[in-house]
Amino acid sequence: MIIANGSVLVLFSVFCVGAAAWRQLNPGLPPLVPDAPRIRPFILVAVNSFLALVSVAALVGIWFGRIGGHWTG
């Protein structure tokens, strides 16, 4: 149950990062007057790719990591 719960939370984080990046790259109607400059798309993609990689590494750690000195896999 712990592995399933951790897996769902990590997969949800990957979904949230992807949804945020998609929303940033496809904003729909432009805002009237932005208060801050937009993040450049290549920076956004690079940072979100890194965050997705960290999430996948956490998922691999949950699935194949050690708990209490014993392998879970």
PDB file of N, CA and C in Angstrom:
ATOM      1  N   MET A   1       0.816  -1.185   0.000  1.00  0.00           N
ATOM      2  CA  MET A   1       0.000   0.000   0.000  1.00  0.00           C
ATOM      3  C   MET A   1       0.872   1.267   0.000  1.00  0.00           C
ATOM      4  N   ILE A   2       1.984   1.226   0.714  1.00  0.00           N
ATOM      5  CA  ILE A   2       2.890   2.381   0.748  1.00  0.00           C
ATOM      6  C   ILE A   2       3.481   2.634  -0.630  1.00  0.00           C
ATOM      7  N   ILE A   3       3.879   1.573  -1.314  1.00  0.00           N
ATOM      8  CA  ILE A   3       4.466   1.710  -2.652  1.00  0.00           C
ATOM      9  C   ILE A   3       3.426   2.244  -3.627  1.00  0.00           C
ATOM     10  N   ALA A   4       2.196   1.752  -3.545  1.00  0.00           N
ATOM     11  CA  ALA A   4       1.140   2.233  -4.440  1.00  0.00           C
ATOM     12  C   ALA A   4       0.842   3.710  -4.177  1.00  0.00           C
ATOM     13  N   ASN A   5       0.748   4.094  -2.910  1.00  0.00           N
ATOM     14  CA  ASN A   5       0.468   5.478  -2.565  1.00  0.00           C
ATOM     15  C   ASN A   5       1.596   6.399  -3.041  1.00  0.00           C
ATOM     16  N   GLY A   6       2.843   6.011  -2.785  1.00  0.00           N
ATOM     17  CA  GLY A   6       3.978   6.796  -3.250  1.00  0.00           C
ATOM     18  C   GLY A   6       4.013   6.908  -4.761  1.00  0.00           C
ATOM     19  N   SER A   7       3.701   5.816  -5.438  1.00  0.00           N
ATOM     20  CA  SER A   7       3.694   5.818  -6.904  1.00  0.00           C
ATOM     21  C   SER A   7       2.644   6.770  -7.448  1.00  0.00           C
ATOM     22  N   VAL A   8       1.452   6.746  -6.869  1.00  0.00           N
ATOM     23  CA  VAL A   8       0.383   7.636  -7.332  1.00  0.00           C
ATOM     24  C   VAL A   8       0.777   9.093  -7.108  1.00  0.00           C
ATOM     25  N   LEU A   9       1.369   9.404  -5.964  1.00  0.00           N
ATOM     26  CA  LEU A   9       1.775  10.790  -5.696  1.00  0.00           C
ATOM     27  C   LEU A   9       2.858  11.259  -6.660  1.00  0.00           C
ATOM     28  N   VAL A  10       3.820  10.411  -6.963  1.00  0.00           N
ATOM     29  CA  VAL A  10       4.883  10.790  -7.895  1.00  0.00           C
ATOM     30  C   VAL A  10       4.316  10.947  -9.301  1.00  0.00           C
ATOM     31  N   LEU A  11       3.466  10.037  -9.729  1.00  0.00           N
ATOM     32  CA  LEU A  11       2.858  10.152 -11.059  1.00  0.00           C
ATOM     33  C   LEU A  11       1.995  11.412 -11.159  1.00  0.00           C
ATOM     34  N   PHE A  12       1.310  11.752 -10.080  1.00  0.00           N
ATOM     35  CA  PHE A  12       0.523  12.981 -10.079  1.00  0.00           C
ATOM     36  C   PHE A  12       1.426  14.206 -10.183  1.00  0.00           C
ATOM     37  N   SER A  13       2.593  14.163  -9.546  1.00  0.00           N
ATOM     38  CA  SER A  13       3.521  15.294  -9.652  1.00  0.00           C
ATOM     39  C   SER A  13       4.026  15.455 -11.083  1.00  0.00           C
ATOM     40  N   VAL A  14       4.283  14.340 -11.762  1.00  0.00           N
ATOM     41  CA  VAL A  14       4.706  14.402 -13.167  1.00  0.00           C
ATOM     42  C   VAL A  14       3.589  15.021 -14.013  1.00  0.00           C
ATOM     43  N   PHE A  15       2.348  14.608 -13.749  1.00  0.00           N
ATOM     44  CA  PHE A  15       1.212  15.176 -14.473  1.00  0.00           C
ATOM     45  C   PHE A  15       1.116  16.684 -14.234  1.00  0.00           C
ATOM     46  N   CYS A  16       1.272  17.124 -12.984  1.00  0.00           N
ATOM     47  CA  CYS A  16       1.167  18.550 -12.659  1.00  0.00           C
ATOM     48  C   CYS A  16       2.262  19.368 -13.344  1.00  0.00           C
ATOM     49  N   VAL A  17       3.481  18.844 -13.361  1.00  0.00           N
ATOM     50  CA  VAL A  17       4.580  19.546 -14.034  1.00  0.00           C
ATOM     51  C   VAL A  17       4.289  19.650 -15.526  1.00  0.00           C
ATOM     52  N   GLY A  18       3.831  18.568 -16.125  1.00  0.00           N
ATOM     53  CA  GLY A  18       3.495  18.588 -17.549  1.00  0.00           C
ATOM     54  C   GLY A  18       2.353  19.538 -17.862  1.00  0.00           C
ATOM     55  N   ALA A  19       1.322  19.538 -17.027  1.00  0.00           N
ATOM     56  CA  ALA A  19       0.182  20.428 -17.245  1.00  0.00           C
ATOM     57  C   ALA A  19       0.599  21.896 -17.107  1.00  0.00           C
ATOM     58  N   ALA A  20       1.463  22.186 -16.137  1.00  0.00           N
ATOM     59  CA  ALA A  20       1.932  23.566 -15.968  1.00  0.00           C
ATOM     60  C   ALA A  20       2.768  24.017 -17.162  1.00  0.00           C
ATOM     61  N   ALA A  21       3.636  23.131 -17.648  1.00  0.00           N
ATOM     62  CA  ALA A  21       4.457  23.484 -18.814  1.00  0.00           C
ATOM     63  C   ALA A  21       3.582  23.684 -20.043  1.00  0.00           C
ATOM     64  N   TRP A  22       2.602  22.805 -20.242  1.00  0.00           N
ATOM     65  CA  TRP A  22       1.700  22.938 -21.390  1.00  0.00           C
ATOM     66  C   TRP A  22       0.918  24.245 -21.304  1.00  0.00           C
ATOM     67  N   ARG A  23       0.454  24.580 -20.109  1.00  0.00           N
ATOM     68  CA  ARG A  23      -0.308  25.818 -19.931  1.00  0.00           C
ATOM     69  C   ARG A  23       0.559  27.046 -20.192  1.00  0.00           C
ATOM     70  N   GLN A  24       1.814  26.972 -19.797  1.00  0.00           N
ATOM     71  CA  GLN A  24       2.730  28.100 -20.034  1.00  0.00           C
ATOM     72  C   GLN A  24       3.023  28.262 -21.524  1.00  0.00           C
ATOM     73  N   LEU A  25       3.169  27.156 -22.238  1.00  0.00           N
ATOM     74  CA  LEU A  25       3.485  27.221 -23.667  1.00  0.00           C
ATOM     75  C   LEU A  25       2.257  27.496 -24.524  1.00  0.00           C
ATOM     76  N   ASN A  26       1.064  27.184 -24.029  1.00  0.00           N
ATOM     77  CA  ASN A  26      -0.199  27.405 -24.744  1.00  0.00           C
ATOM     78  C   ASN A  26      -1.152  28.190 -23.848  1.00  0.00           C
ATOM     79  N   PRO A  27      -0.904  29.478 -23.648  1.00  0.00           N
ATOM     80  CA  PRO A  27      -1.663  30.222 -22.641  1.00  0.00           C
ATOM     81  C   PRO A  27      -3.087  30.587 -23.037  1.00  0.00           C
ATOM     82  N   GLY A  28      -3.482  30.410 -24.290  1.00  0.00           N
ATOM     83  CA  GLY A  28      -4.822  30.821 -24.695  1.00  0.00           C
ATOM     84  C   GLY A  28      -4.828  32.320 -24.979  1.00  0.00           C
ATOM     85  N   LEU A  29      -5.826  33.010 -24.446  1.00  0.00           N
ATOM     86  CA  LEU A  29      -5.927  34.449 -24.655  1.00  0.00           C
ATOM     87  C   LEU A  29      -4.809  35.164 -23.892  1.00  0.00           C
ATOM     88  N   PRO A  30      -4.177  36.147 -24.528  1.00  0.00           N
ATOM     89  CA  PRO A  30      -3.094  36.866 -23.835  1.00  0.00           C
ATOM     90  C   PRO A  30      -3.642  37.739 -22.707  1.00  0.00           C
ATOM     91  N   PRO A  31      -2.862  37.890 -21.645  1.00  0.00           N
ATOM     92  CA  PRO A  31      -3.301  38.783 -20.565  1.00  0.00           C
ATOM     93  C   PRO A  31      -3.308  40.232 -21.050  1.00  0.00           C
ATOM     94  N   LEU A  32      -4.082  41.066 -20.367  1.00  0.00           N
ATOM     95  CA  LEU A  32      -4.175  42.462 -20.783  1.00  0.00           C
ATOM     96  C   LEU A  32      -2.820  43.160 -20.684  1.00  0.00           C
ATOM     97  N   VAL A  33      -2.249  43.235 -19.495  1.00  0.00           N
ATOM     98  CA  VAL A  33      -0.945  43.858 -19.296  1.00  0.00           C
ATOM     99  C   VAL A  33      -0.180  42.996 -18.289  1.00  0.00           C
ATOM    100  N   PRO A  34       0.797  42.219 -18.763  1.00  0.00           N
ATOM    101  CA  PRO A  34       1.527  41.383 -17.809  1.00  0.00           C
ATOM    102  C   PRO A  34       2.382  42.226 -16.867  1.00  0.00           C
ATOM    103  N   ASP A  35       2.414  41.807 -15.596  1.00  0.00           N
ATOM    104  CA  ASP A  35       3.216  42.524 -14.602  1.00  0.00           C
ATOM    105  C   ASP A  35       4.667  42.072 -14.602  1.00  0.00           C
ATOM    106  N   ALA A  36       4.918  40.882 -15.106  1.00  0.00           N
ATOM    107  CA  ALA A  36       6.277  40.324 -15.100  1.00  0.00           C
ATOM    108  C   ALA A  36       6.566  39.735 -16.478  1.00  0.00           C
ATOM    109  N   PRO A  37       7.834  39.696 -16.846  1.00  0.00           N
ATOM    110  CA  PRO A  37       8.169  39.086 -18.142  1.00  0.00           C
ATOM    111  C   PRO A  37       7.915  37.578 -18.116  1.00  0.00           C
ATOM    112  N   ARG A  38       7.597  37.017 -19.265  1.00  0.00           N
ATOM    113  CA  ARG A  38       7.362  35.580 -19.377  1.00  0.00           C
ATOM    114  C   ARG A  38       8.688  34.829 -19.319  1.00  0.00           C
ATOM    115  N   ILE A  39       8.616  33.628 -18.818  1.00  0.00           N
ATOM    116  CA  ILE A  39       9.790  32.758 -18.807  1.00  0.00           C
ATOM    117  C   ILE A  39      10.036  32.300 -20.240  1.00  0.00           C
ATOM    118  N   ARG A  40      11.279  32.292 -20.658  1.00  0.00           N
ATOM    119  CA  ARG A  40      11.601  31.845 -22.015  1.00  0.00           C
ATOM    120  C   ARG A  40      11.287  30.358 -22.151  1.00  0.00           C
ATOM    121  N   PRO A  41      10.715  29.948 -23.282  1.00  0.00           N
ATOM    122  CA  PRO A  41      10.283  28.550 -23.432  1.00  0.00           C
ATOM    123  C   PRO A  41      11.392  27.524 -23.234  1.00  0.00           C
ATOM    124  N   PHE A  42      12.611  27.800 -23.707  1.00  0.00           N
ATOM    125  CA  PHE A  42      13.667  26.791 -23.556  1.00  0.00           C
ATOM    126  C   PHE A  42      14.051  26.603 -22.088  1.00  0.00           C
ATOM    127  N   ILE A  43      13.976  27.667 -21.284  1.00  0.00           N
ATOM    128  CA  ILE A  43      14.249  27.539 -19.849  1.00  0.00           C
ATOM    129  C   ILE A  43      13.140  26.728 -19.187  1.00  0.00           C
ATOM    130  N   LEU A  44      11.914  27.021 -19.560  1.00  0.00           N
ATOM    131  CA  LEU A  44      10.767  26.295 -19.011  1.00  0.00           C
ATOM    132  C   LEU A  44      10.856  24.805 -19.315  1.00  0.00           C
ATOM    133  N   VAL A  45      11.166  24.470 -20.549  1.00  0.00           N
ATOM    134  CA  VAL A  45      11.269  23.061 -20.943  1.00  0.00           C
ATOM    135  C   VAL A  45      12.429  22.383 -20.218  1.00  0.00           C
ATOM    136  N   ALA A  46      13.560  23.069 -20.097  1.00  0.00           N
ATOM    137  CA  ALA A  46      14.725  22.473 -19.426  1.00  0.00           C
ATOM    138  C   ALA A  46      14.440  22.202 -17.950  1.00  0.00           C
ATOM    139  N   VAL A  47      13.887  23.175 -17.253  1.00  0.00           N
ATOM    140  CA  VAL A  47      13.605  23.002 -15.819  1.00  0.00           C
ATOM    141  C   VAL A  47      12.542  21.928 -15.605  1.00  0.00           C
ATOM    142  N   ASN A  48      11.489  21.939 -16.409  1.00  0.00           N
ATOM    143  CA  ASN A  48      10.433  20.942 -16.234  1.00  0.00           C
ATOM    144  C   ASN A  48      10.894  19.544 -16.631  1.00  0.00           C
ATOM    145  N   SER A  49      11.781  19.444 -17.592  1.00  0.00           N
ATOM    146  CA  SER A  49      12.346  18.135 -17.927  1.00  0.00           C
ATOM    147  C   SER A  49      13.171  17.597 -16.763  1.00  0.00           C
ATOM    148  N   PHE A  50      13.936  18.483 -16.127  1.00  0.00           N
ATOM    149  CA  PHE A  50      14.709  18.070 -14.951  1.00  0.00           C
ATOM    150  C   PHE A  50      13.778  17.621 -13.823  1.00  0.00           C
ATOM    151  N   LEU A  51      12.704  18.366 -13.577  1.00  0.00           N
ATOM    152  CA  LEU A  51      11.765  17.992 -12.527  1.00  0.00           C
ATOM    153  C   LEU A  51      11.085  16.658 -12.834  1.00  0.00           C
ATOM    154  N   ALA A  52      10.758  16.413 -14.089  1.00  0.00           N
ATOM    155  CA  ALA A  52      10.167  15.127 -14.468  1.00  0.00           C
ATOM    156  C   ALA A  52      11.168  14.000 -14.255  1.00  0.00           C
ATOM    157  N   LEU A  53      12.430  14.245 -14.572  1.00  0.00           N
ATOM    158  CA  LEU A  53      13.472  13.237 -14.358  1.00  0.00           C
ATOM    159  C   LEU A  53      13.628  12.927 -12.867  1.00  0.00           C
ATOM    160  N   VAL A  54      13.584  13.949 -12.025  1.00  0.00           N
ATOM    161  CA  VAL A  54      13.661  13.739 -10.576  1.00  0.00           C
ATOM    162  C   VAL A  54      12.458  12.921 -10.099  1.00  0.00           C
ATOM    163  N   SER A  55      11.282  13.205 -10.629  1.00  0.00           N
ATOM    164  CA  SER A  55      10.094  12.450 -10.246  1.00  0.00           C
ATOM    165  C   SER A  55      10.207  10.984 -10.662  1.00  0.00           C
ATOM    166  N   VAL A  56      10.711  10.741 -11.851  1.00  0.00           N
ATOM    167  CA  VAL A  56      10.899   9.356 -12.305  1.00  0.00           C
ATOM    168  C   VAL A  56      11.939   8.652 -11.438  1.00  0.00           C
ATOM    169  N   ALA A  57      13.005   9.361 -11.062  1.00  0.00           N
ATOM    170  CA  ALA A  57      14.007   8.769 -10.175  1.00  0.00           C
ATOM    171  C   ALA A  57      13.393   8.433  -8.818  1.00  0.00           C
ATOM    172  N   ALA A  58      12.526   9.296  -8.302  1.00  0.00           N
ATOM    173  CA  ALA A  58      11.845   9.010  -7.042  1.00  0.00           C
ATOM    174  C   ALA A  58      10.950   7.790  -7.181  1.00  0.00           C
ATOM    175  N   LEU A  59      10.267   7.675  -8.318  1.00  0.00           N
ATOM    176  CA  LEU A  59       9.401   6.520  -8.555  1.00  0.00           C
ATOM    177  C   LEU A  59      10.211   5.234  -8.606  1.00  0.00           C
ATOM    178  N   VAL A  60      11.348   5.260  -9.278  1.00  0.00           N
ATOM    179  CA  VAL A  60      12.225   4.083  -9.327  1.00  0.00           C
ATOM    180  C   VAL A  60      12.721   3.758  -7.917  1.00  0.00           C
ATOM    181  N   GLY A  61      13.041   4.790  -7.139  1.00  0.00           N
ATOM    182  CA  GLY A  61      13.456   4.571  -5.760  1.00  0.00           C
ATOM    183  C   GLY A  61      12.361   3.953  -4.915  1.00  0.00           C
ATOM    184  N   ILE A  62      11.124   4.377  -5.142  1.00  0.00           N
ATOM    185  CA  ILE A  62       9.995   3.793  -4.406  1.00  0.00           C
ATOM    186  C   ILE A  62       9.803   2.336  -4.792  1.00  0.00           C
ATOM    187  N   TRP A  63       9.864   2.053  -6.086  1.00  0.00           N
ATOM    188  CA  TRP A  63       9.612   0.684  -6.552  1.00  0.00           C
ATOM    189  C   TRP A  63      10.743  -0.274  -6.226  1.00  0.00           C
ATOM    190  N   PHE A  64      11.993   0.186  -6.360  1.00  0.00           N
ATOM    191  CA  PHE A  64      13.125  -0.727  -6.245  1.00  0.00           C
ATOM    192  C   PHE A  64      14.065  -0.394  -5.089  1.00  0.00           C
ATOM    193  N   GLY A  65      13.685   0.553  -4.252  1.00  0.00           N
ATOM    194  CA  GLY A  65      14.552   0.970  -3.154  1.00  0.00           C
ATOM    195  C   GLY A  65      14.544  -0.011  -1.993  1.00  0.00           C
ATOM    196  N   ARG A  66      15.242   0.399  -0.958  1.00  0.00           N
ATOM    197  CA  ARG A  66      15.346  -0.432   0.234  1.00  0.00           C
ATOM    198  C   ARG A  66      14.481   0.148   1.335  1.00  0.00           C
ATOM    199  N   ILE A  67      13.813  -0.724   2.075  1.00  0.00           N
ATOM    200  CA  ILE A  67      13.020  -0.339   3.238  1.00  0.00           C
ATOM    201  C   ILE A  67      13.506  -1.148   4.415  1.00  0.00           C
ATOM    202  N   GLY A  68      13.982  -0.498   5.448  1.00  0.00           N
ATOM    203  CA  GLY A  68      14.421  -1.192   6.631  1.00  0.00           C
ATOM    204  C   GLY A  68      15.582  -2.155   6.381  1.00  0.00           C
ATOM    205  N   GLY A  69      16.430  -1.824   5.416  1.00  0.00           N
ATOM    206  CA  GLY A  69      17.574  -2.678   5.128  1.00  0.00           C
ATOM    207  C   GLY A  69      17.270  -3.830   4.197  1.00  0.00           C
ATOM    208  N   HIS A  70      16.032  -3.929   3.709  1.00  0.00           N
ATOM    209  CA  HIS A  70      15.650  -5.033   2.812  1.00  0.00           C
ATOM    210  C   HIS A  70      15.169  -4.447   1.492  1.00  0.00           C
ATOM    211  N   TRP A  71      15.517  -5.140   0.413  1.00  0.00           N
ATOM    212  CA  TRP A  71      15.063  -4.712  -0.912  1.00  0.00           C
ATOM    213  C   TRP A  71      13.578  -4.948  -1.006  1.00  0.00           C
ATOM    214  N   THR A  72      12.847  -4.000  -1.610  1.00  0.00           N
ATOM    215  CA  THR A  72      11.401  -4.154  -1.755  1.00  0.00           C
ATOM    216  C   THR A  72      11.036  -4.927  -3.013  1.00  0.00           C
ATOM    217  N   GLY A  73      11.927  -4.958  -3.995  1.00  0.00           N
ATOM    218  CA  GLY A  73      11.604  -5.576  -5.278  1.00  0.00           C
ATOM    219  C   GLY A  73      11.814  -6.990  -5.307  1.00  0.00           C
TER     220      GLY A  73
END
